[in-house]
Amino acid sequence: MKRNLNMPGFKLKHMNTPLLDKKPLPEARKEKTPVKPTNILTADKRPSFLHNNGVVSSSGGLTPSEKAEANRLLDSVKGTYMDRKFKQGRLVFEDGKPKRTPEGGFIREQIPVSPEQNLKEYEMEKGGYYVDFTKGGKAVVKGVPSGDDDIPVQSFIKSLDPSQYRGSFIEDLPKNYQDPGLIKGHPLNPFEGYQRAENYR
C-alpha cells in the first residue's frame, strides 16, 4: 500500500520514519536476472532528454491542474520542515527504562530548532522526494529510487516535470556510473520494476 502525505501515519525523513524502503524485496531481486548493461550514463555522456532508449517520461505531459497539485504537495512537504519548533532527540529514561506515553510509544527529548536549521535540513533532504499520481489521479509523495550505489537514478529524476521534483542533478557522477533507468531489464530500473511510476501516459 502506497502512502502519501494525506494518509494517517505518513512520515518524512525528518520525522524519524523512512518514507519508504528504496530497495526491492529479496524475492523481487531473485525474480530478475541481471543483464549486461546496454546503455551507460556517464558524466561525459548524458542525454539532454530521456525519452529514448525505452525511457518514458514519468511526467507524461501533466495537465496544469496536476502540476499545481504537485507543487502544492511539495509545498506541504517543505511545510513539515519549516513548521517545526522542536525535533526529537534521544529516548528519555526513568529508573533505567525508557519512558512511554499512555499509548505505549517511547518519549524522546524535544530539542528546539530554529527556522534556519529547518531550512538547512529541508535543502539537504528535498532531493529525496518526488510527487507522482496514481491511476485515479491522486497526487502522492514518494521516495526517489536509487541504485545499489545509493545514487538517485538520474534518468528517472530528469524525466520528471519540474513541478514533481525540487532536488538537483548530480553533475560529477563517477565515470563508471551505470544508470539503472537506461539498462533494459535491470532489477533496479524504476521505469520497469518495483517502483514504476503509475502515471505514464
N, C-alpha and C. Protein backbone atom coordinates (compact mmCIF):
# COMPACT_ATOMS: atom_id res chain seq x y z
N MET A 1 0.84 -1.20 0.00
CA MET A 1 0.00 0.00 0.00
C MET A 1 0.87 1.25 0.00
N LYS A 2 0.64 2.09 -0.99
CA LYS A 2 1.44 3.31 -1.06
C LYS A 2 0.94 4.31 -0.04
N ARG A 3 1.84 5.12 0.47
CA ARG A 3 1.49 6.09 1.49
C ARG A 3 1.73 7.48 0.94
N ASN A 4 0.90 8.39 1.31
CA ASN A 4 1.07 9.75 0.84
C ASN A 4 0.84 10.72 1.97
N LEU A 5 1.09 11.97 1.69
CA LEU A 5 1.10 12.98 2.75
C LEU A 5 -0.25 13.16 3.41
N ASN A 6 -1.32 12.72 2.75
CA ASN A 6 -2.65 12.91 3.31
C ASN A 6 -3.14 11.70 4.09
N MET A 7 -2.31 10.66 4.19
CA MET A 7 -2.73 9.44 4.87
C MET A 7 -2.20 9.40 6.30
N PRO A 8 -2.99 8.84 7.22
CA PRO A 8 -2.52 8.71 8.61
C PRO A 8 -1.24 7.91 8.68
N GLY A 9 -0.31 8.37 9.49
CA GLY A 9 0.93 7.64 9.70
C GLY A 9 2.04 7.96 8.72
N PHE A 10 1.75 8.84 7.75
CA PHE A 10 2.79 9.18 6.78
C PHE A 10 3.92 9.94 7.46
N LYS A 11 5.16 9.55 7.18
CA LYS A 11 6.31 10.20 7.78
C LYS A 11 7.34 10.53 6.72
N LEU A 12 7.97 11.69 6.85
CA LEU A 12 9.10 12.05 6.02
C LEU A 12 10.38 11.74 6.78
N LYS A 13 11.54 11.92 6.13
CA LYS A 13 12.82 11.54 6.75
C LYS A 13 13.02 12.18 8.10
N HIS A 14 12.72 13.47 8.20
CA HIS A 14 12.98 14.17 9.44
C HIS A 14 11.98 13.82 10.53
N MET A 15 10.99 12.99 10.20
CA MET A 15 10.01 12.56 11.19
C MET A 15 10.39 11.22 11.81
N ASN A 16 11.65 10.79 11.56
CA ASN A 16 12.23 9.59 12.16
C ASN A 16 11.66 8.29 11.64
N THR A 17 10.90 8.32 10.55
CA THR A 17 10.43 7.10 9.92
C THR A 17 10.72 7.20 8.45
N PRO A 18 11.41 6.20 7.84
CA PRO A 18 11.73 6.28 6.42
C PRO A 18 10.48 6.44 5.58
N LEU A 19 10.55 7.23 4.51
CA LEU A 19 9.42 7.42 3.62
C LEU A 19 8.99 6.10 3.02
N LEU A 20 9.95 5.35 2.53
CA LEU A 20 9.69 4.02 2.04
C LEU A 20 11.02 3.33 1.85
N ASP A 21 10.97 2.01 1.74
CA ASP A 21 12.19 1.25 1.52
C ASP A 21 12.52 1.30 0.04
N LYS A 22 13.65 1.95 -0.30
CA LYS A 22 14.00 2.08 -1.70
C LYS A 22 14.45 0.78 -2.32
N LYS A 23 14.85 -0.19 -1.49
CA LYS A 23 15.37 -1.44 -2.02
C LYS A 23 14.22 -2.42 -2.23
N PRO A 24 14.26 -3.21 -3.31
CA PRO A 24 13.21 -4.19 -3.54
C PRO A 24 13.31 -5.33 -2.55
N LEU A 25 12.23 -6.06 -2.39
CA LEU A 25 12.25 -7.22 -1.53
C LEU A 25 13.18 -8.27 -2.12
N PRO A 26 13.75 -9.11 -1.26
CA PRO A 26 14.66 -10.15 -1.77
C PRO A 26 14.02 -10.96 -2.90
N GLU A 27 12.71 -11.24 -2.79
CA GLU A 27 12.03 -12.02 -3.80
C GLU A 27 12.07 -11.30 -5.14
N ALA A 28 11.93 -9.97 -5.09
CA ALA A 28 11.93 -9.20 -6.33
C ALA A 28 13.28 -9.27 -7.01
N ARG A 29 14.34 -9.30 -6.21
CA ARG A 29 15.68 -9.40 -6.79
C ARG A 29 15.87 -10.77 -7.45
N LYS A 30 15.30 -11.81 -6.82
CA LYS A 30 15.50 -13.15 -7.34
C LYS A 30 14.73 -13.39 -8.63
N GLU A 31 13.64 -12.65 -8.82
CA GLU A 31 12.81 -12.86 -9.98
C GLU A 31 13.47 -12.39 -11.26
N LYS A 32 14.41 -11.46 -11.16
CA LYS A 32 15.03 -10.89 -12.33
C LYS A 32 16.48 -11.33 -12.42
N THR A 33 16.92 -11.59 -13.62
CA THR A 33 18.30 -11.97 -13.84
C THR A 33 19.07 -10.77 -14.33
N PRO A 34 20.13 -10.37 -13.63
CA PRO A 34 20.90 -9.20 -14.08
C PRO A 34 21.37 -9.39 -15.52
N VAL A 35 21.28 -8.31 -16.27
CA VAL A 35 21.69 -8.37 -17.67
C VAL A 35 22.89 -7.47 -17.88
N LYS A 36 23.60 -7.74 -18.95
CA LYS A 36 24.75 -6.91 -19.27
C LYS A 36 24.28 -5.52 -19.66
N PRO A 37 24.84 -4.46 -19.06
CA PRO A 37 24.39 -3.12 -19.39
C PRO A 37 24.52 -2.83 -20.88
N THR A 38 23.45 -2.22 -21.42
CA THR A 38 23.47 -1.84 -22.83
C THR A 38 23.59 -0.34 -23.00
N ASN A 39 23.28 0.39 -21.96
CA ASN A 39 23.40 1.84 -22.00
C ASN A 39 24.01 2.33 -20.71
N ILE A 40 25.06 3.10 -20.79
CA ILE A 40 25.73 3.61 -19.61
C ILE A 40 25.69 5.13 -19.64
N LEU A 41 25.20 5.71 -18.55
CA LEU A 41 25.13 7.16 -18.45
C LEU A 41 26.31 7.63 -17.63
N THR A 42 27.23 8.35 -18.23
CA THR A 42 28.41 8.84 -17.53
C THR A 42 28.35 10.35 -17.46
N ALA A 43 29.32 10.91 -16.73
CA ALA A 43 29.37 12.36 -16.60
C ALA A 43 29.61 13.01 -17.96
N ASP A 44 30.22 12.27 -18.89
CA ASP A 44 30.53 12.83 -20.21
C ASP A 44 29.44 12.57 -21.23
N LYS A 45 28.53 11.60 -20.94
CA LYS A 45 27.52 11.24 -21.91
C LYS A 45 26.16 11.20 -21.24
N ARG A 46 25.56 12.36 -21.07
CA ARG A 46 24.22 12.43 -20.51
C ARG A 46 23.30 13.02 -21.57
N PRO A 47 22.25 12.32 -21.95
CA PRO A 47 21.34 12.85 -22.95
C PRO A 47 20.63 14.09 -22.44
N SER A 48 20.33 15.01 -23.35
CA SER A 48 19.64 16.23 -22.95
C SER A 48 18.19 15.96 -22.61
N PHE A 49 17.60 14.91 -23.20
CA PHE A 49 16.27 14.50 -22.78
C PHE A 49 16.24 12.98 -22.79
N LEU A 50 15.34 12.37 -22.01
CA LEU A 50 15.44 10.95 -21.77
C LEU A 50 14.16 10.22 -22.16
N HIS A 51 13.70 10.47 -23.39
CA HIS A 51 12.51 9.81 -23.85
C HIS A 51 12.86 8.67 -24.82
N ASN A 52 14.16 8.44 -25.04
CA ASN A 52 14.60 7.38 -25.93
C ASN A 52 15.11 6.20 -25.13
N ASN A 53 15.64 5.22 -25.82
CA ASN A 53 16.20 4.04 -25.17
C ASN A 53 15.20 3.35 -24.24
N GLY A 54 13.93 3.45 -24.57
CA GLY A 54 12.93 2.79 -23.76
C GLY A 54 12.57 3.52 -22.49
N VAL A 55 13.10 4.74 -22.29
CA VAL A 55 12.80 5.51 -21.09
C VAL A 55 11.67 6.47 -21.38
N VAL A 56 10.60 6.35 -20.64
CA VAL A 56 9.43 7.21 -20.84
C VAL A 56 9.34 8.21 -19.70
N SER A 57 9.06 9.43 -20.03
CA SER A 57 8.97 10.46 -19.01
C SER A 57 7.88 10.14 -18.01
N SER A 58 8.21 10.22 -16.73
CA SER A 58 7.21 9.99 -15.69
C SER A 58 6.17 11.09 -15.70
N SER A 59 6.59 12.31 -16.09
CA SER A 59 5.63 13.42 -16.10
C SER A 59 4.57 13.18 -17.15
N GLY A 60 4.97 12.61 -18.27
CA GLY A 60 4.00 12.21 -19.27
C GLY A 60 3.10 13.32 -19.75
N GLY A 61 3.50 14.58 -19.62
CA GLY A 61 2.66 15.68 -20.04
C GLY A 61 1.57 15.97 -19.03
N LEU A 62 1.95 16.41 -17.85
CA LEU A 62 0.97 16.70 -16.81
C LEU A 62 0.07 17.86 -17.21
N THR A 63 -1.16 17.80 -16.77
CA THR A 63 -2.09 18.90 -17.01
C THR A 63 -1.75 20.05 -16.07
N PRO A 64 -2.21 21.27 -16.37
CA PRO A 64 -1.96 22.40 -15.46
C PRO A 64 -2.46 22.14 -14.04
N SER A 65 -3.60 21.48 -13.92
CA SER A 65 -4.12 21.20 -12.57
C SER A 65 -3.25 20.18 -11.84
N GLU A 66 -2.69 19.21 -12.57
CA GLU A 66 -1.80 18.23 -11.95
C GLU A 66 -0.50 18.89 -11.51
N LYS A 67 0.02 19.77 -12.33
CA LYS A 67 1.24 20.49 -11.95
C LYS A 67 1.00 21.33 -10.71
N ALA A 68 -0.16 21.98 -10.66
CA ALA A 68 -0.49 22.80 -9.48
C ALA A 68 -0.60 21.93 -8.23
N GLU A 69 -1.18 20.75 -8.38
CA GLU A 69 -1.33 19.85 -7.24
C GLU A 69 0.01 19.31 -6.80
N ALA A 70 0.89 19.00 -7.76
CA ALA A 70 2.23 18.52 -7.41
C ALA A 70 3.00 19.59 -6.66
N ASN A 71 2.91 20.83 -7.12
CA ASN A 71 3.58 21.93 -6.43
C ASN A 71 3.00 22.13 -5.03
N ARG A 72 1.69 22.02 -4.92
CA ARG A 72 1.05 22.19 -3.61
C ARG A 72 1.53 21.13 -2.63
N LEU A 73 1.64 19.90 -3.12
CA LEU A 73 2.05 18.82 -2.24
C LEU A 73 3.51 18.98 -1.82
N LEU A 74 4.37 19.41 -2.74
CA LEU A 74 5.77 19.64 -2.37
C LEU A 74 5.90 20.85 -1.44
N ASP A 75 5.02 21.83 -1.59
CA ASP A 75 4.99 22.94 -0.62
C ASP A 75 4.65 22.41 0.77
N SER A 76 3.73 21.46 0.82
CA SER A 76 3.33 20.91 2.12
C SER A 76 4.46 20.09 2.73
N VAL A 77 5.27 19.43 1.88
CA VAL A 77 6.43 18.71 2.39
C VAL A 77 7.39 19.70 3.04
N LYS A 78 7.65 20.81 2.36
CA LYS A 78 8.53 21.83 2.93
C LYS A 78 7.94 22.36 4.24
N GLY A 79 6.63 22.49 4.27
CA GLY A 79 5.98 22.99 5.47
C GLY A 79 6.18 22.10 6.68
N THR A 80 6.28 20.77 6.45
CA THR A 80 6.50 19.87 7.59
C THR A 80 7.86 20.11 8.24
N TYR A 81 8.81 20.65 7.45
CA TYR A 81 10.11 21.03 7.99
C TYR A 81 10.02 22.40 8.68
N MET A 82 9.49 23.37 7.94
CA MET A 82 9.54 24.75 8.39
C MET A 82 8.63 25.04 9.58
N ASP A 83 7.60 24.23 9.77
CA ASP A 83 6.66 24.46 10.87
C ASP A 83 7.14 23.89 12.20
N ARG A 84 8.27 23.19 12.18
CA ARG A 84 8.73 22.57 13.42
C ARG A 84 9.27 23.60 14.41
N LYS A 85 8.95 23.39 15.65
CA LYS A 85 9.54 24.17 16.74
C LYS A 85 10.56 23.33 17.50
N PHE A 86 10.37 22.02 17.43
CA PHE A 86 11.26 21.09 18.11
C PHE A 86 11.52 19.89 17.19
N LYS A 87 12.62 19.20 17.44
CA LYS A 87 12.88 17.93 16.78
C LYS A 87 13.17 16.90 17.85
N GLN A 88 12.90 15.65 17.54
CA GLN A 88 13.07 14.60 18.54
C GLN A 88 14.53 14.23 18.70
N GLY A 89 14.90 14.02 19.96
CA GLY A 89 16.27 13.63 20.28
C GLY A 89 16.31 12.22 20.84
N ARG A 90 17.13 12.03 21.86
CA ARG A 90 17.31 10.71 22.45
C ARG A 90 16.10 10.30 23.28
N LEU A 91 16.03 9.00 23.55
CA LEU A 91 14.98 8.48 24.41
C LEU A 91 15.14 9.04 25.82
N VAL A 92 14.02 9.28 26.48
CA VAL A 92 14.02 9.74 27.87
C VAL A 92 13.88 8.51 28.76
N PHE A 93 14.81 8.37 29.73
CA PHE A 93 14.81 7.21 30.61
C PHE A 93 14.35 7.60 32.01
N GLU A 94 13.71 6.65 32.68
CA GLU A 94 13.30 6.83 34.06
C GLU A 94 13.48 5.50 34.77
N ASP A 95 14.25 5.53 35.87
CA ASP A 95 14.57 4.30 36.61
C ASP A 95 15.20 3.25 35.70
N GLY A 96 16.04 3.73 34.78
CA GLY A 96 16.76 2.81 33.90
C GLY A 96 15.96 2.26 32.72
N LYS A 97 14.71 2.70 32.58
CA LYS A 97 13.87 2.21 31.49
C LYS A 97 13.34 3.38 30.66
N PRO A 98 13.18 3.18 29.34
CA PRO A 98 12.62 4.25 28.51
C PRO A 98 11.21 4.62 28.95
N LYS A 99 10.96 5.91 29.05
CA LYS A 99 9.61 6.36 29.39
C LYS A 99 8.70 6.17 28.19
N ARG A 100 7.43 5.90 28.49
CA ARG A 100 6.46 5.67 27.44
C ARG A 100 5.25 6.58 27.61
N THR A 101 4.57 6.82 26.52
CA THR A 101 3.33 7.58 26.54
C THR A 101 2.21 6.66 27.01
N PRO A 102 1.05 7.21 27.37
CA PRO A 102 -0.08 6.34 27.76
C PRO A 102 -0.46 5.35 26.67
N GLU A 103 -0.16 5.73 25.40
CA GLU A 103 -0.49 4.84 24.28
C GLU A 103 0.57 3.77 24.05
N GLY A 104 1.69 3.86 24.79
CA GLY A 104 2.73 2.86 24.66
C GLY A 104 3.93 3.28 23.85
N GLY A 105 3.89 4.47 23.27
CA GLY A 105 5.03 4.93 22.48
C GLY A 105 6.16 5.42 23.36
N PHE A 106 7.36 5.49 22.79
CA PHE A 106 8.52 5.98 23.54
C PHE A 106 8.51 7.51 23.57
N ILE A 107 8.98 8.05 24.67
CA ILE A 107 9.10 9.50 24.83
C ILE A 107 10.54 9.90 24.55
N ARG A 108 10.69 10.90 23.69
CA ARG A 108 12.02 11.38 23.33
C ARG A 108 12.21 12.84 23.75
N GLU A 109 13.47 13.24 23.84
CA GLU A 109 13.78 14.63 24.13
C GLU A 109 13.23 15.52 23.02
N GLN A 110 12.78 16.70 23.39
CA GLN A 110 12.30 17.67 22.42
C GLN A 110 13.34 18.78 22.32
N ILE A 111 14.05 18.81 21.19
CA ILE A 111 15.16 19.75 21.01
C ILE A 111 14.68 20.95 20.19
N PRO A 112 14.78 22.15 20.73
CA PRO A 112 14.35 23.34 19.97
C PRO A 112 15.16 23.48 18.68
N VAL A 113 14.49 23.87 17.60
CA VAL A 113 15.15 24.11 16.32
C VAL A 113 14.73 25.48 15.79
N SER A 114 15.65 26.13 15.12
CA SER A 114 15.38 27.45 14.55
C SER A 114 14.89 27.32 13.11
N PRO A 115 14.25 28.36 12.59
CA PRO A 115 13.85 28.34 11.17
C PRO A 115 15.04 28.09 10.25
N GLU A 116 16.20 28.63 10.60
CA GLU A 116 17.39 28.43 9.79
C GLU A 116 17.80 26.95 9.75
N GLN A 117 17.70 26.29 10.90
CA GLN A 117 18.02 24.86 10.96
C GLN A 117 17.02 24.04 10.15
N ASN A 118 15.76 24.41 10.26
CA ASN A 118 14.73 23.72 9.49
C ASN A 118 14.98 23.84 8.00
N LEU A 119 15.30 25.05 7.55
CA LEU A 119 15.54 25.28 6.13
C LEU A 119 16.77 24.51 5.65
N LYS A 120 17.81 24.50 6.45
CA LYS A 120 19.03 23.78 6.08
C LYS A 120 18.75 22.29 5.92
N GLU A 121 17.98 21.73 6.84
CA GLU A 121 17.68 20.30 6.76
C GLU A 121 16.78 20.00 5.56
N TYR A 122 15.83 20.89 5.30
CA TYR A 122 14.97 20.71 4.14
C TYR A 122 15.78 20.73 2.84
N GLU A 123 16.70 21.68 2.71
CA GLU A 123 17.50 21.80 1.50
C GLU A 123 18.37 20.55 1.30
N MET A 124 18.81 19.95 2.40
CA MET A 124 19.63 18.75 2.31
C MET A 124 18.82 17.53 1.88
N GLU A 125 17.55 17.49 2.25
CA GLU A 125 16.76 16.28 2.06
C GLU A 125 15.69 16.38 0.98
N LYS A 126 15.45 17.56 0.42
CA LYS A 126 14.35 17.71 -0.54
C LYS A 126 14.54 16.86 -1.78
N GLY A 127 15.79 16.55 -2.12
CA GLY A 127 16.05 15.72 -3.29
C GLY A 127 15.65 14.27 -3.12
N GLY A 128 15.21 13.90 -1.93
CA GLY A 128 14.80 12.52 -1.70
C GLY A 128 13.34 12.25 -2.00
N TYR A 129 12.59 13.29 -2.37
CA TYR A 129 11.16 13.15 -2.58
C TYR A 129 10.75 13.60 -3.97
N TYR A 130 9.71 13.00 -4.50
CA TYR A 130 9.07 13.49 -5.71
C TYR A 130 7.58 13.21 -5.61
N VAL A 131 6.81 13.83 -6.47
CA VAL A 131 5.36 13.62 -6.48
C VAL A 131 4.97 12.86 -7.73
N ASP A 132 4.12 11.88 -7.57
CA ASP A 132 3.58 11.16 -8.72
C ASP A 132 2.06 11.07 -8.55
N PHE A 133 1.41 10.51 -9.53
CA PHE A 133 -0.04 10.41 -9.49
C PHE A 133 -0.47 8.97 -9.67
N THR A 134 -1.45 8.54 -8.90
CA THR A 134 -2.00 7.21 -9.04
C THR A 134 -2.89 7.17 -10.28
N LYS A 135 -3.30 5.99 -10.66
CA LYS A 135 -4.19 5.86 -11.82
C LYS A 135 -5.50 6.60 -11.59
N GLY A 136 -5.85 6.78 -10.32
CA GLY A 136 -7.07 7.52 -10.00
C GLY A 136 -6.87 9.02 -9.98
N GLY A 137 -5.63 9.47 -10.24
CA GLY A 137 -5.36 10.90 -10.30
C GLY A 137 -4.96 11.53 -8.99
N LYS A 138 -4.71 10.73 -7.96
CA LYS A 138 -4.35 11.27 -6.66
C LYS A 138 -2.85 11.51 -6.59
N ALA A 139 -2.45 12.71 -6.16
CA ALA A 139 -1.03 13.04 -6.02
C ALA A 139 -0.49 12.42 -4.74
N VAL A 140 0.67 11.79 -4.85
CA VAL A 140 1.30 11.15 -3.69
C VAL A 140 2.78 11.50 -3.66
N VAL A 141 3.34 11.57 -2.46
CA VAL A 141 4.78 11.79 -2.29
C VAL A 141 5.47 10.44 -2.21
N LYS A 142 6.54 10.28 -2.98
CA LYS A 142 7.28 9.03 -2.99
C LYS A 142 8.77 9.32 -2.78
N GLY A 143 9.50 8.27 -2.44
CA GLY A 143 10.94 8.38 -2.31
C GLY A 143 11.61 8.20 -3.66
N VAL A 144 12.59 9.00 -3.97
CA VAL A 144 13.30 8.89 -5.24
C VAL A 144 14.05 7.56 -5.29
N PRO A 145 13.87 6.75 -6.33
CA PRO A 145 14.56 5.47 -6.42
C PRO A 145 16.06 5.66 -6.65
N SER A 146 16.83 4.72 -6.14
CA SER A 146 18.28 4.77 -6.32
C SER A 146 18.79 3.38 -6.64
N GLY A 147 20.01 3.31 -7.15
CA GLY A 147 20.63 2.03 -7.46
C GLY A 147 21.35 1.46 -6.26
N ASP A 148 22.08 0.39 -6.49
CA ASP A 148 22.84 -0.23 -5.41
C ASP A 148 23.90 0.72 -4.85
N ASP A 149 24.31 1.70 -5.66
CA ASP A 149 25.32 2.66 -5.22
C ASP A 149 24.72 3.82 -4.44
N ASP A 150 23.40 3.77 -4.21
CA ASP A 150 22.66 4.80 -3.48
C ASP A 150 22.62 6.14 -4.21
N ILE A 151 23.03 6.18 -5.47
CA ILE A 151 22.90 7.40 -6.27
C ILE A 151 21.49 7.43 -6.84
N PRO A 152 20.75 8.53 -6.63
CA PRO A 152 19.41 8.62 -7.22
C PRO A 152 19.47 8.35 -8.72
N VAL A 153 18.53 7.59 -9.24
CA VAL A 153 18.54 7.24 -10.66
C VAL A 153 18.37 8.52 -11.47
N GLN A 154 19.46 8.96 -12.11
CA GLN A 154 19.47 10.25 -12.76
C GLN A 154 18.50 10.34 -13.93
N SER A 155 18.37 9.27 -14.71
CA SER A 155 17.44 9.30 -15.82
C SER A 155 16.01 9.45 -15.33
N PHE A 156 15.72 8.89 -14.16
CA PHE A 156 14.36 8.97 -13.62
C PHE A 156 14.03 10.39 -13.18
N ILE A 157 14.92 11.00 -12.39
CA ILE A 157 14.58 12.33 -11.90
C ILE A 157 14.61 13.36 -13.03
N LYS A 158 15.42 13.11 -14.08
CA LYS A 158 15.42 14.03 -15.21
C LYS A 158 14.17 13.89 -16.07
N SER A 159 13.48 12.77 -15.92
CA SER A 159 12.25 12.57 -16.68
C SER A 159 11.04 13.23 -16.02
N LEU A 160 11.20 13.68 -14.78
CA LEU A 160 10.09 14.28 -14.05
C LEU A 160 9.85 15.72 -14.50
N ASP A 161 8.62 16.13 -14.38
CA ASP A 161 8.28 17.52 -14.62
C ASP A 161 8.84 18.36 -13.47
N PRO A 162 9.26 19.60 -13.71
CA PRO A 162 9.79 20.44 -12.61
C PRO A 162 8.83 20.57 -11.44
N SER A 163 7.54 20.44 -11.69
CA SER A 163 6.58 20.54 -10.59
C SER A 163 6.61 19.32 -9.68
N GLN A 164 7.22 18.21 -10.16
CA GLN A 164 7.23 16.97 -9.39
C GLN A 164 8.46 16.81 -8.50
N TYR A 165 9.51 17.57 -8.78
CA TYR A 165 10.78 17.32 -8.10
C TYR A 165 11.53 18.63 -7.91
N ARG A 166 12.04 18.85 -6.69
CA ARG A 166 12.75 20.10 -6.38
C ARG A 166 14.20 19.88 -6.02
N GLY A 167 14.68 18.68 -6.20
CA GLY A 167 16.07 18.41 -5.93
C GLY A 167 16.95 18.84 -7.10
N SER A 168 18.20 18.44 -7.06
CA SER A 168 19.15 18.80 -8.12
C SER A 168 19.70 17.52 -8.74
N PHE A 169 20.39 17.69 -9.86
CA PHE A 169 21.02 16.58 -10.53
C PHE A 169 22.49 16.53 -10.16
N ILE A 170 23.07 15.35 -10.19
CA ILE A 170 24.48 15.18 -9.87
C ILE A 170 25.30 15.45 -11.13
N GLU A 171 26.15 16.45 -11.06
CA GLU A 171 26.95 16.83 -12.22
C GLU A 171 28.31 16.14 -12.27
N ASP A 172 28.77 15.62 -11.13
CA ASP A 172 30.09 14.98 -11.09
C ASP A 172 29.95 13.49 -10.77
N LEU A 173 29.17 12.79 -11.60
CA LEU A 173 28.97 11.37 -11.42
C LEU A 173 30.28 10.60 -11.63
N PRO A 174 30.45 9.49 -10.93
CA PRO A 174 31.62 8.65 -11.20
C PRO A 174 31.64 8.25 -12.67
N LYS A 175 32.83 8.17 -13.25
CA LYS A 175 32.93 7.85 -14.68
C LYS A 175 32.40 6.47 -15.01
N ASN A 176 32.37 5.58 -14.02
CA ASN A 176 31.86 4.23 -14.27
C ASN A 176 30.39 4.09 -13.84
N TYR A 177 29.73 5.23 -13.63
CA TYR A 177 28.33 5.18 -13.19
C TYR A 177 27.45 4.52 -14.25
N GLN A 178 26.64 3.56 -13.82
CA GLN A 178 25.67 2.91 -14.70
C GLN A 178 24.27 3.25 -14.21
N ASP A 179 23.53 3.92 -15.04
CA ASP A 179 22.18 4.36 -14.68
C ASP A 179 21.20 3.21 -14.89
N PRO A 180 20.60 2.68 -13.80
CA PRO A 180 19.67 1.56 -13.94
C PRO A 180 18.49 1.88 -14.86
N GLY A 181 18.11 3.17 -14.92
CA GLY A 181 16.99 3.54 -15.76
C GLY A 181 17.26 3.44 -17.24
N LEU A 182 18.53 3.32 -17.62
CA LEU A 182 18.91 3.18 -19.02
C LEU A 182 19.29 1.76 -19.40
N ILE A 183 19.12 0.84 -18.46
CA ILE A 183 19.51 -0.55 -18.71
C ILE A 183 18.25 -1.41 -18.71
N LYS A 184 17.86 -1.85 -19.88
CA LYS A 184 16.65 -2.66 -20.01
C LYS A 184 16.79 -3.95 -19.22
N GLY A 185 15.79 -4.25 -18.41
CA GLY A 185 15.79 -5.48 -17.63
C GLY A 185 16.55 -5.40 -16.33
N HIS A 186 17.14 -4.25 -16.01
CA HIS A 186 17.87 -4.12 -14.75
C HIS A 186 16.89 -4.23 -13.59
N PRO A 187 17.21 -5.01 -12.55
CA PRO A 187 16.27 -5.19 -11.44
C PRO A 187 15.95 -3.91 -10.68
N LEU A 188 16.79 -2.88 -10.81
CA LEU A 188 16.52 -1.62 -10.12
C LEU A 188 16.10 -0.52 -11.09
N ASN A 189 15.68 -0.90 -12.29
CA ASN A 189 15.20 0.08 -13.26
C ASN A 189 13.82 0.57 -12.81
N PRO A 190 13.69 1.83 -12.38
CA PRO A 190 12.40 2.29 -11.85
C PRO A 190 11.33 2.44 -12.92
N PHE A 191 11.73 2.43 -14.19
CA PHE A 191 10.74 2.52 -15.26
C PHE A 191 10.07 1.18 -15.53
N GLU A 192 10.68 0.10 -15.05
CA GLU A 192 10.17 -1.23 -15.34
C GLU A 192 9.75 -2.00 -14.09
N GLY A 193 10.41 -1.75 -12.98
CA GLY A 193 10.28 -2.65 -11.85
C GLY A 193 9.40 -2.20 -10.72
N TYR A 194 9.89 -2.49 -9.52
CA TYR A 194 9.07 -2.37 -8.31
C TYR A 194 8.62 -0.95 -8.01
N GLN A 195 9.34 0.06 -8.53
CA GLN A 195 8.95 1.44 -8.24
C GLN A 195 8.45 2.16 -9.49
N ARG A 196 7.92 1.42 -10.44
CA ARG A 196 7.48 2.02 -11.69
C ARG A 196 6.40 3.06 -11.43
N ALA A 197 6.58 4.25 -12.00
CA ALA A 197 5.59 5.31 -11.82
C ALA A 197 4.26 4.87 -12.43
N GLU A 198 3.16 5.33 -11.87
CA GLU A 198 1.85 4.87 -12.29
C GLU A 198 1.16 5.84 -13.24
N ASN A 199 1.78 6.97 -13.53
CA ASN A 199 1.07 7.95 -14.34
C ASN A 199 1.62 8.06 -15.75
N TYR A 200 2.28 7.01 -16.25
CA TYR A 200 2.77 7.06 -17.63
C TYR A 200 1.59 7.22 -18.57
N ARG A 201 1.72 8.11 -19.51
CA ARG A 201 0.65 8.35 -20.47
C ARG A 201 0.84 7.44 -21.68
